[in-house]
Amino acid sequence: MEVTEEAPPAVAEGRSRSPVEIVFALVLVAVSVAAIATASQYPVESAAYPVTIAAGMAVLGGWIAMRELLRRRRGNPTAGAFAQHGPRLAIGVAALVAYFAAVSVVGFILPSLALCVLLPAAVGFRRWRLAAVVGLVCVVSILLIFVYALGRPIPEDLLSPLLAKLR
């Protein structure tokens, strides 16, 4: 019995998400460079963390773009549509926009908990308890790291008086 490995089709039915992958990667690099430029104007102790995160994002964006360009050059771009379910993608993007708006109005804790629980549910994840536990662990971890370990403030929240009592 002979075993041969067949090469996968270059692009199924002529559909490729390759251009979107490249554009996403370049936008990621551009946003990262802008974040580095902005954070570089902060005092050194405040700039280190955002510059480090943005530099990592820029490297990741460069890697994604390079990977996809090499795939295209070999004639094997990433197949498939950019989004398998457009409405879910729209819900996700709208949720993130609403989250950032809510953080500036309500504060960090409540919008973060809501995002961690409601966004997975909106895009099809049906294990509400797991989403709630993960969301709670994430928010508490962020609070412990930034507020208590690093001494950095978070946006004022409806729960800020409770946090003040815990300090």
C-alpha atoms as a PDB file:
ATOM      1  CA  MET A   1       0.000   0.000   0.000  1.00  0.00           C
ATOM      2  CA  GLU A   2       1.453   3.323  -1.057  1.00  0.00           C
ATOM      3  CA  VAL A   3       0.784   6.434   0.980  1.00  0.00           C
ATOM      4  CA  THR A   4       0.989   9.737  -0.803  1.00  0.00           C
ATOM      5  CA  GLU A   5       0.394  13.159   0.575  1.00  0.00           C
ATOM      6  CA  GLU A   6      -1.847  15.335  -1.522  1.00  0.00           C
ATOM      7  CA  ALA A   7      -1.356  19.057  -1.438  1.00  0.00           C
ATOM      8  CA  PRO A   8      -4.415  20.943  -0.225  1.00  0.00           C
ATOM      9  CA  PRO A   9      -6.195  23.032  -2.834  1.00  0.00           C
ATOM     10  CA  ALA A  10      -4.730  26.524  -3.070  1.00  0.00           C
ATOM     11  CA  VAL A  11      -8.033  28.262  -2.408  1.00  0.00           C
ATOM     12  CA  ALA A  12     -11.367  26.540  -2.008  1.00  0.00           C
ATOM     13  CA  GLU A  13     -13.852  27.798  -4.577  1.00  0.00           C
ATOM     14  CA  GLY A  14     -11.720  30.833  -5.344  1.00  0.00           C
ATOM     15  CA  ARG A  15     -12.296  32.329  -1.886  1.00  0.00           C
ATOM     16  CA  SER A  16      -9.373  33.593   0.109  1.00  0.00           C
ATOM     17  CA  ARG A  17      -9.200  35.679   3.223  1.00  0.00           C
ATOM     18  CA  SER A  18      -5.595  36.480   2.420  1.00  0.00           C
ATOM     19  CA  PRO A  19      -6.155  40.186   1.588  1.00  0.00           C
ATOM     20  CA  VAL A  20      -8.072  40.682   4.835  1.00  0.00           C
ATOM     21  CA  GLU A  21      -5.323  38.954   6.807  1.00  0.00           C
ATOM     22  CA  ILE A  22      -2.729  41.293   5.314  1.00  0.00           C
ATOM     23  CA  VAL A  23      -4.830  44.433   5.886  1.00  0.00           C
ATOM     24  CA  PHE A  24      -5.554  43.354   9.480  1.00  0.00           C
ATOM     25  CA  ALA A  25      -1.847  42.811  10.098  1.00  0.00           C
ATOM     26  CA  LEU A  26      -0.908  46.204   8.675  1.00  0.00           C
ATOM     27  CA  VAL A  27      -3.609  47.940  10.729  1.00  0.00           C
ATOM     28  CA  LEU A  28      -2.307  46.131  13.814  1.00  0.00           C
ATOM     29  CA  VAL A  29       1.212  47.396  13.088  1.00  0.00           C
ATOM     30  CA  ALA A  30      -0.043  50.954  12.459  1.00  0.00           C
ATOM     31  CA  VAL A  31      -2.085  51.041  15.680  1.00  0.00           C
ATOM     32  CA  SER A  32       0.888  49.635  17.573  1.00  0.00           C
ATOM     33  CA  VAL A  33       3.241  52.286  16.217  1.00  0.00           C
ATOM     34  CA  ALA A  34       0.721  55.006  17.129  1.00  0.00           C
ATOM     35  CA  ALA A  35       0.410  53.554  20.646  1.00  0.00           C
ATOM     36  CA  ILE A  36       4.195  53.481  21.013  1.00  0.00           C
ATOM     37  CA  ALA A  37       4.453  57.092  19.836  1.00  0.00           C
ATOM     38  CA  THR A  38       1.753  58.197  22.270  1.00  0.00           C
ATOM     39  CA  ALA A  39       3.061  56.207  25.238  1.00  0.00           C
ATOM     40  CA  SER A  40       6.617  57.393  24.620  1.00  0.00           C
ATOM     41  CA  GLN A  41       5.493  60.848  25.729  1.00  0.00           C
ATOM     42  CA  TYR A  42       4.502  59.498  29.177  1.00  0.00           C
ATOM     43  CA  PRO A  43       6.890  59.386  32.122  1.00  0.00           C
ATOM     44  CA  VAL A  44       9.202  56.364  31.884  1.00  0.00           C
ATOM     45  CA  GLU A  45       7.500  54.413  34.672  1.00  0.00           C
ATOM     46  CA  SER A  46       4.111  54.849  32.993  1.00  0.00           C
ATOM     47  CA  ALA A  47       5.327  54.263  29.428  1.00  0.00           C
ATOM     48  CA  ALA A  48       7.092  50.925  29.910  1.00  0.00           C
ATOM     49  CA  TYR A  49       4.010  48.713  29.980  1.00  0.00           C
ATOM     50  CA  PRO A  50       2.079  50.190  27.017  1.00  0.00           C
ATOM     51  CA  VAL A  51       5.243  50.418  24.906  1.00  0.00           C
ATOM     52  CA  THR A  52       6.066  46.775  25.632  1.00  0.00           C
ATOM     53  CA  ILE A  53       2.545  45.596  24.779  1.00  0.00           C
ATOM     54  CA  ALA A  54       2.418  47.733  21.616  1.00  0.00           C
ATOM     55  CA  ALA A  55       5.843  46.479  20.501  1.00  0.00           C
ATOM     56  CA  GLY A  56       4.633  42.905  20.914  1.00  0.00           C
ATOM     57  CA  MET A  57       1.519  43.726  18.896  1.00  0.00           C
ATOM     58  CA  ALA A  58       3.660  45.268  16.144  1.00  0.00           C
ATOM     59  CA  VAL A  59       5.865  42.164  15.974  1.00  0.00           C
ATOM     60  CA  LEU A  60       2.766  39.953  15.849  1.00  0.00           C
ATOM     61  CA  GLY A  61       1.257  42.089  13.069  1.00  0.00           C
ATOM     62  CA  GLY A  62       4.489  41.919  11.100  1.00  0.00           C
ATOM     63  CA  TRP A  63       4.617  38.157  11.523  1.00  0.00           C
ATOM     64  CA  ILE A  64       0.999  37.747  10.330  1.00  0.00           C
ATOM     65  CA  ALA A  65       1.638  39.909   7.258  1.00  0.00           C
ATOM     66  CA  MET A  66       4.897  38.127   6.405  1.00  0.00           C
ATOM     67  CA  ARG A  67       3.325  34.691   6.834  1.00  0.00           C
ATOM     68  CA  GLU A  68       0.439  35.555   4.532  1.00  0.00           C
ATOM     69  CA  LEU A  69       2.679  37.208   1.929  1.00  0.00           C
ATOM     70  CA  LEU A  70       4.863  34.076   1.854  1.00  0.00           C
ATOM     71  CA  ARG A  71       1.776  31.876   1.496  1.00  0.00           C
ATOM     72  CA  ARG A  72       0.557  33.996  -1.421  1.00  0.00           C
ATOM     73  CA  ARG A  73       3.986  33.858  -3.039  1.00  0.00           C
ATOM     74  CA  ARG A  74       3.898  30.046  -2.857  1.00  0.00           C
ATOM     75  CA  GLY A  75       0.418  30.072  -4.411  1.00  0.00           C
ATOM     76  CA  ASN A  76      -1.251  28.807  -1.249  1.00  0.00           C
ATOM     77  CA  PRO A  77      -3.016  31.771   0.406  1.00  0.00           C
ATOM     78  CA  THR A  78      -5.229  31.160   3.410  1.00  0.00           C
ATOM     79  CA  ALA A  79      -8.498  29.774   2.123  1.00  0.00           C
ATOM     80  CA  GLY A  80     -11.963  30.645   3.337  1.00  0.00           C
ATOM     81  CA  ALA A  81     -14.033  33.660   4.106  1.00  0.00           C
ATOM     82  CA  PHE A  82     -12.909  36.302   6.574  1.00  0.00           C
ATOM     83  CA  ALA A  83     -15.943  35.661   8.758  1.00  0.00           C
ATOM     84  CA  GLN A  84     -17.979  32.482   8.776  1.00  0.00           C
ATOM     85  CA  HIS A  85     -20.878  34.280  10.433  1.00  0.00           C
ATOM     86  CA  GLY A  86     -21.086  37.994   9.586  1.00  0.00           C
ATOM     87  CA  PRO A  87     -23.751  38.936  12.156  1.00  0.00           C
ATOM     88  CA  ARG A  88     -21.664  37.468  14.972  1.00  0.00           C
ATOM     89  CA  LEU A  89     -18.662  39.470  13.817  1.00  0.00           C
ATOM     90  CA  ALA A  90     -20.817  42.616  13.771  1.00  0.00           C
ATOM     91  CA  ILE A  91     -22.060  41.842  17.300  1.00  0.00           C
ATOM     92  CA  GLY A  92     -18.493  41.388  18.496  1.00  0.00           C
ATOM     93  CA  VAL A  93     -17.282  44.660  17.007  1.00  0.00           C
ATOM     94  CA  ALA A  94     -20.336  46.534  18.335  1.00  0.00           C
ATOM     95  CA  ALA A  95     -19.783  45.016  21.788  1.00  0.00           C
ATOM     96  CA  LEU A  96     -16.183  46.234  21.859  1.00  0.00           C
ATOM     97  CA  VAL A  97     -17.188  49.738  20.795  1.00  0.00           C
ATOM     98  CA  ALA A  98     -19.920  49.764  23.462  1.00  0.00           C
ATOM     99  CA  TYR A  99     -17.411  48.463  26.020  1.00  0.00           C
ATOM    100  CA  PHE A 100     -14.946  51.279  25.418  1.00  0.00           C
ATOM    101  CA  ALA A 101     -17.752  53.843  25.577  1.00  0.00           C
ATOM    102  CA  ALA A 102     -19.099  52.306  28.795  1.00  0.00           C
ATOM    103  CA  VAL A 103     -15.685  52.241  30.489  1.00  0.00           C
ATOM    104  CA  SER A 104     -15.366  56.002  30.086  1.00  0.00           C
ATOM    105  CA  VAL A 105     -18.880  56.538  31.491  1.00  0.00           C
ATOM    106  CA  VAL A 106     -19.403  53.774  34.075  1.00  0.00           C
ATOM    107  CA  GLY A 107     -15.850  52.682  34.878  1.00  0.00           C
ATOM    108  CA  PHE A 108     -13.860  49.498  34.403  1.00  0.00           C
ATOM    109  CA  ILE A 109     -15.334  46.729  36.534  1.00  0.00           C
ATOM    110  CA  LEU A 110     -18.985  46.477  35.502  1.00  0.00           C
ATOM    111  CA  PRO A 111     -18.458  46.877  31.728  1.00  0.00           C
ATOM    112  CA  SER A 112     -15.613  44.339  31.849  1.00  0.00           C
ATOM    113  CA  LEU A 113     -17.754  41.790  33.645  1.00  0.00           C
ATOM    114  CA  ALA A 114     -20.613  42.405  31.220  1.00  0.00           C
ATOM    115  CA  LEU A 115     -18.316  42.045  28.204  1.00  0.00           C
ATOM    116  CA  CYS A 116     -16.796  38.811  29.520  1.00  0.00           C
ATOM    117  CA  VAL A 117     -20.225  37.241  30.032  1.00  0.00           C
ATOM    118  CA  LEU A 118     -22.421  38.739  27.314  1.00  0.00           C
ATOM    119  CA  LEU A 119     -20.021  38.779  24.350  1.00  0.00           C
ATOM    120  CA  PRO A 120     -19.392  35.011  24.349  1.00  0.00           C
ATOM    121  CA  ALA A 121     -23.150  34.447  24.677  1.00  0.00           C
ATOM    122  CA  ALA A 122     -23.876  36.840  21.805  1.00  0.00           C
ATOM    123  CA  VAL A 123     -21.536  34.986  19.469  1.00  0.00           C
ATOM    124  CA  GLY A 124     -22.875  31.550  20.308  1.00  0.00           C
ATOM    125  CA  PHE A 125     -21.156  30.334  23.478  1.00  0.00           C
ATOM    126  CA  ARG A 126     -23.862  28.861  25.692  1.00  0.00           C
ATOM    127  CA  ARG A 127     -21.986  28.010  28.879  1.00  0.00           C
ATOM    128  CA  TRP A 128     -23.021  31.090  30.866  1.00  0.00           C
ATOM    129  CA  ARG A 129     -21.615  29.905  34.191  1.00  0.00           C
ATOM    130  CA  LEU A 130     -18.204  29.221  32.700  1.00  0.00           C
ATOM    131  CA  ALA A 131     -18.192  32.634  30.990  1.00  0.00           C
ATOM    132  CA  ALA A 132     -19.167  34.302  34.276  1.00  0.00           C
ATOM    133  CA  VAL A 133     -16.422  32.517  36.227  1.00  0.00           C
ATOM    134  CA  VAL A 134     -13.785  33.307  33.589  1.00  0.00           C
ATOM    135  CA  GLY A 135     -14.940  36.940  33.440  1.00  0.00           C
ATOM    136  CA  LEU A 136     -14.833  37.304  37.208  1.00  0.00           C
ATOM    137  CA  VAL A 137     -11.376  35.707  37.430  1.00  0.00           C
ATOM    138  CA  CYS A 138     -10.067  37.978  34.651  1.00  0.00           C
ATOM    139  CA  VAL A 139     -11.418  41.182  36.189  1.00  0.00           C
ATOM    140  CA  VAL A 140     -10.223  40.278  39.680  1.00  0.00           C
ATOM    141  CA  SER A 141      -6.787  39.345  38.276  1.00  0.00           C
ATOM    142  CA  ILE A 142      -6.512  42.664  36.450  1.00  0.00           C
ATOM    143  CA  LEU A 143      -7.501  44.525  39.615  1.00  0.00           C
ATOM    144  CA  LEU A 144      -4.991  42.600  41.722  1.00  0.00           C
ATOM    145  CA  ILE A 145      -2.173  43.158  39.254  1.00  0.00           C
ATOM    146  CA  PHE A 146      -2.727  46.792  38.330  1.00  0.00           C
ATOM    147  CA  VAL A 147      -4.383  48.324  41.374  1.00  0.00           C
ATOM    148  CA  TYR A 148      -2.776  46.382  44.196  1.00  0.00           C
ATOM    149  CA  ALA A 149       0.542  45.015  42.873  1.00  0.00           C
ATOM    150  CA  LEU A 150       1.542  47.871  40.536  1.00  0.00           C
ATOM    151  CA  GLY A 151      -0.366  50.663  42.282  1.00  0.00           C
ATOM    152  CA  ARG A 152      -1.905  51.912  39.023  1.00  0.00           C
ATOM    153  CA  PRO A 153      -5.390  53.387  39.018  1.00  0.00           C
ATOM    154  CA  ILE A 154      -8.281  52.111  36.930  1.00  0.00           C
ATOM    155  CA  PRO A 155     -11.132  54.298  35.672  1.00  0.00           C
ATOM    156  CA  GLU A 156     -13.511  55.263  38.481  1.00  0.00           C
ATOM    157  CA  ASP A 157     -16.356  52.808  38.811  1.00  0.00           C
ATOM    158  CA  LEU A 158     -19.626  52.448  40.634  1.00  0.00           C
ATOM    159  CA  LEU A 159     -17.817  49.835  42.717  1.00  0.00           C
ATOM    160  CA  SER A 160     -14.837  52.100  43.505  1.00  0.00           C
ATOM    161  CA  PRO A 161     -16.047  52.794  47.076  1.00  0.00           C
ATOM    162  CA  LEU A 162     -16.016  49.046  47.703  1.00  0.00           C
ATOM    163  CA  LEU A 163     -12.470  48.775  46.302  1.00  0.00           C
ATOM    164  CA  ALA A 164     -11.355  51.651  48.524  1.00  0.00           C
ATOM    165  CA  LYS A 165     -12.567  49.735  51.585  1.00  0.00           C
ATOM    166  CA  LEU A 166     -10.592  46.651  50.476  1.00  0.00           C
ATOM    167  CA  ARG A 167      -7.294  48.553  50.285  1.00  0.00           C
END
